[in-house]
Amino acid sequence: MDETAVTIVQQPKKVIAKKGLKQVGAITSAERGTLVTLACTINAIGNSIPPFFIFPRKNFKDRFLFSAPTASAGDTNPSGWMKEENFVKYLKHFVSNTKFTKEKLCLLLLDNHETYLSIEGFDLAKNNGIVMLTFPPHCTHKLQPLDKAVYGPLKNYINTAMTSLLVMNPGNIAFPK
């Protein structure tokens, strides 16, 4: 399991132009994006459970998950980042989408973040056959395969889709708050 922040505001792509040109046109968004935290869980053979979203709001509304993959779940936190109570809800989502028991254990790999450290989370994991193992500090950049294999291509896809949307509809895009 790992989490990442995604935004609807794209990062500008590199533009190729003739050498010596002073101005090169490219469409980009001037707004600052709202980050949504996305928690994904994928096993070693590539199977996954539906994603868990954390929205930067105080109250969760079902409409936040409109068009999300089936059985996706979500929660809110004013900062948009995962906190202990969000992680417990994520664990409940994980349990509801898997079939592990105390006899058939599951190893859940996590980065070494304080968010995952709560008695309620440990109890929930223990009672449902989940063994949580954290990576050592300062090693996740080398040991987190989701960052390179999943989140990198996902963010690139979102960026490309947003750029295409802006090019096809210049000046006509408004995102609801």
Protein backbone atom coordinates (compact mmCIF):
# COMPACT_ATOMS: atom_id res chain seq x y z
CA MET A 1 0.00 0.00 0.00
CA ASP A 2 1.19 3.47 -0.78
CA GLU A 3 -0.38 6.86 -1.18
CA THR A 4 0.24 9.77 -3.48
CA ALA A 5 -1.26 13.18 -4.13
CA VAL A 6 -2.88 13.88 -7.48
CA THR A 7 -4.13 17.18 -8.88
CA ILE A 8 -6.20 18.24 -11.87
CA VAL A 9 -3.78 21.04 -12.69
CA GLN A 10 -1.16 19.71 -15.04
CA GLN A 11 2.56 20.18 -14.95
CA PRO A 12 3.73 21.95 -18.12
CA LYS A 13 5.36 19.63 -20.64
CA LYS A 14 8.59 20.50 -22.38
CA VAL A 15 8.01 22.30 -25.66
CA ILE A 16 10.27 21.70 -28.65
CA ALA A 17 10.99 24.81 -30.71
CA LYS A 18 13.46 26.12 -33.24
CA LYS A 19 16.73 27.31 -31.75
CA GLY A 20 16.88 31.05 -31.16
CA LEU A 21 13.14 31.70 -30.81
CA LYS A 22 12.35 34.20 -28.06
CA GLN A 23 8.71 33.19 -27.50
CA VAL A 24 7.12 29.77 -27.72
CA GLY A 25 3.39 29.34 -27.15
CA ALA A 26 1.91 26.58 -25.04
CA ILE A 27 -1.38 26.32 -23.18
CA THR A 28 -1.11 25.78 -19.46
CA SER A 29 -3.35 26.36 -16.49
CA ALA A 30 -2.70 29.36 -14.27
CA GLU A 31 -4.65 28.03 -11.32
CA ARG A 32 -3.30 26.21 -8.30
CA GLY A 33 -4.63 22.71 -7.99
CA THR A 34 -6.37 20.99 -5.14
CA LEU A 35 -4.56 17.86 -4.04
CA VAL A 36 -6.48 14.64 -3.50
CA THR A 37 -4.65 11.79 -1.79
CA LEU A 38 -4.99 8.44 -3.49
CA ALA A 39 -4.18 5.23 -1.58
CA CYS A 40 -3.68 2.15 -3.75
CA THR A 41 -3.03 -1.42 -2.76
CA ILE A 42 -1.57 -3.78 -5.33
CA ASN A 43 -0.18 -7.27 -4.75
CA ALA A 44 2.94 -8.84 -6.23
CA ILE A 45 1.10 -10.30 -9.24
CA GLY A 46 -0.62 -7.03 -10.10
CA ASN A 47 -4.10 -7.52 -8.60
CA SER A 48 -5.52 -4.53 -6.78
CA ILE A 49 -8.40 -3.46 -4.60
CA PRO A 50 -10.47 -0.36 -5.46
CA PRO A 51 -8.70 2.89 -4.56
CA PHE A 52 -9.24 4.89 -1.38
CA PHE A 53 -9.41 8.68 -1.76
CA ILE A 54 -8.85 11.41 0.84
CA PHE A 55 -10.41 14.72 -0.13
CA PRO A 56 -9.38 18.11 1.30
CA ARG A 57 -12.75 18.81 2.91
CA LYS A 58 -14.41 18.67 6.33
CA ASN A 59 -17.39 16.50 5.36
CA PHE A 60 -17.53 13.59 2.95
CA LYS A 61 -20.18 13.55 0.22
CA ASP A 62 -20.94 10.49 -1.92
CA ARG A 63 -20.71 12.66 -5.03
CA PHE A 64 -16.94 12.92 -4.47
CA LEU A 65 -16.69 9.36 -5.81
CA PHE A 66 -18.80 9.99 -8.93
CA SER A 67 -17.14 8.15 -11.84
CA ALA A 68 -14.60 6.51 -9.51
CA PRO A 69 -13.94 2.79 -9.99
CA THR A 70 -16.63 0.51 -8.55
CA ALA A 71 -16.31 -0.13 -4.79
CA SER A 72 -13.93 2.81 -4.31
CA ALA A 73 -14.08 4.43 -0.89
CA GLY A 74 -13.11 7.77 0.49
CA ASP A 75 -12.80 10.02 3.48
CA THR A 76 -11.95 13.64 4.20
CA ASN A 77 -9.30 15.58 6.03
CA PRO A 78 -8.97 19.39 5.82
CA SER A 79 -5.35 19.09 4.66
CA GLY A 80 -6.12 16.39 2.10
CA TRP A 81 -3.40 14.16 3.53
CA MET A 82 -3.93 10.85 5.31
CA LYS A 83 -4.15 10.94 9.11
CA GLU A 84 -4.52 8.09 11.64
CA GLU A 85 -8.33 8.08 11.51
CA ASN A 86 -8.24 8.02 7.69
CA PHE A 87 -5.85 5.08 7.79
CA VAL A 88 -8.23 3.12 10.04
CA LYS A 89 -11.01 3.73 7.50
CA TYR A 90 -8.62 2.64 4.75
CA LEU A 91 -7.91 -0.58 6.67
CA LYS A 92 -11.66 -1.25 6.94
CA HIS A 93 -11.87 -0.72 3.17
CA PHE A 94 -8.95 -3.13 2.71
CA VAL A 95 -10.60 -5.77 4.93
CA SER A 96 -13.92 -5.46 3.09
CA ASN A 97 -12.18 -6.06 -0.26
CA THR A 98 -9.98 -8.99 0.74
CA LYS A 99 -10.55 -12.42 2.28
CA PHE A 100 -7.77 -12.76 4.81
CA THR A 101 -8.26 -14.36 8.21
CA LYS A 102 -6.15 -15.18 11.24
CA GLU A 103 -5.43 -18.53 9.55
CA LYS A 104 -4.78 -17.05 6.08
CA LEU A 105 -2.51 -14.08 6.77
CA CYS A 106 -1.71 -11.09 4.59
CA LEU A 107 1.52 -9.07 4.59
CA LEU A 108 0.78 -5.37 4.09
CA LEU A 109 3.89 -3.33 3.24
CA LEU A 110 3.82 0.32 4.31
CA ASP A 111 6.25 3.20 4.46
CA ASN A 112 7.40 4.16 7.94
CA HIS A 113 4.95 7.03 8.49
CA GLU A 114 3.35 7.96 11.82
CA THR A 115 -0.06 7.97 10.13
CA TYR A 116 -0.11 4.17 10.21
CA LEU A 117 0.63 3.96 13.94
CA SER A 118 -2.53 3.70 16.00
CA ILE A 119 -3.80 1.13 18.47
CA GLU A 120 -7.14 0.94 16.64
CA GLY A 121 -5.33 0.25 13.35
CA PHE A 122 -3.09 -2.40 14.90
CA ASP A 123 -6.07 -4.13 16.52
CA LEU A 124 -8.06 -4.06 13.29
CA ALA A 125 -5.14 -5.51 11.35
CA LYS A 126 -4.42 -8.21 13.94
CA ASN A 127 -8.07 -9.29 14.18
CA ASN A 128 -8.31 -9.64 10.38
CA GLY A 129 -5.08 -11.51 9.66
CA ILE A 130 -3.11 -8.52 8.40
CA VAL A 131 0.57 -8.35 9.28
CA MET A 132 1.82 -4.80 8.76
CA LEU A 133 5.50 -4.38 7.91
CA THR A 134 7.04 -0.95 7.43
CA PHE A 135 10.06 -0.08 5.34
CA PRO A 136 13.03 1.37 7.22
CA PRO A 137 13.18 5.19 7.33
CA HIS A 138 14.72 6.93 4.29
CA CYS A 139 14.51 3.77 2.15
CA THR A 140 11.07 4.04 0.58
CA HIS A 141 12.39 5.84 -2.51
CA LYS A 142 14.22 2.61 -3.38
CA LEU A 143 11.74 0.09 -1.98
CA GLN A 144 8.33 1.48 -3.00
CA PRO A 145 7.51 -0.10 -6.37
CA LEU A 146 4.15 1.71 -6.64
CA ASP A 147 5.87 5.08 -7.03
CA LYS A 148 7.59 4.08 -10.27
CA ALA A 149 5.32 1.37 -11.70
CA VAL A 150 1.87 2.85 -10.91
CA TYR A 151 1.91 6.44 -9.71
CA GLY A 152 4.43 7.73 -12.25
CA PRO A 153 2.44 6.52 -15.29
CA LEU A 154 -0.86 7.55 -13.62
CA LYS A 155 0.31 11.13 -13.06
CA ASN A 156 1.68 11.25 -16.61
CA TYR A 157 -1.69 10.06 -17.96
CA ILE A 158 -3.61 12.65 -15.90
CA ASN A 159 -1.21 15.37 -17.05
CA THR A 160 -1.63 14.37 -20.71
CA ALA A 161 -5.43 14.21 -20.39
CA MET A 162 -5.58 17.65 -18.76
CA THR A 163 -3.31 19.15 -21.43
CA SER A 164 -5.54 17.70 -24.16
CA LEU A 165 -8.63 19.08 -22.43
CA LEU A 166 -7.09 22.56 -22.27
CA VAL A 167 -5.97 22.47 -25.92
CA MET A 168 -9.40 21.29 -27.14
CA ASN A 169 -11.33 23.81 -24.98
CA PRO A 170 -9.21 26.94 -24.53
CA GLY A 171 -10.73 29.31 -22.00
CA ASN A 172 -13.81 27.13 -21.45
CA ILE A 173 -12.76 24.89 -18.58
CA ALA A 174 -14.11 25.48 -15.08
CA PHE A 175 -13.72 22.93 -12.33
CA PRO A 176 -16.37 22.87 -9.57
CA LYS A 177 -15.21 23.52 -6.04
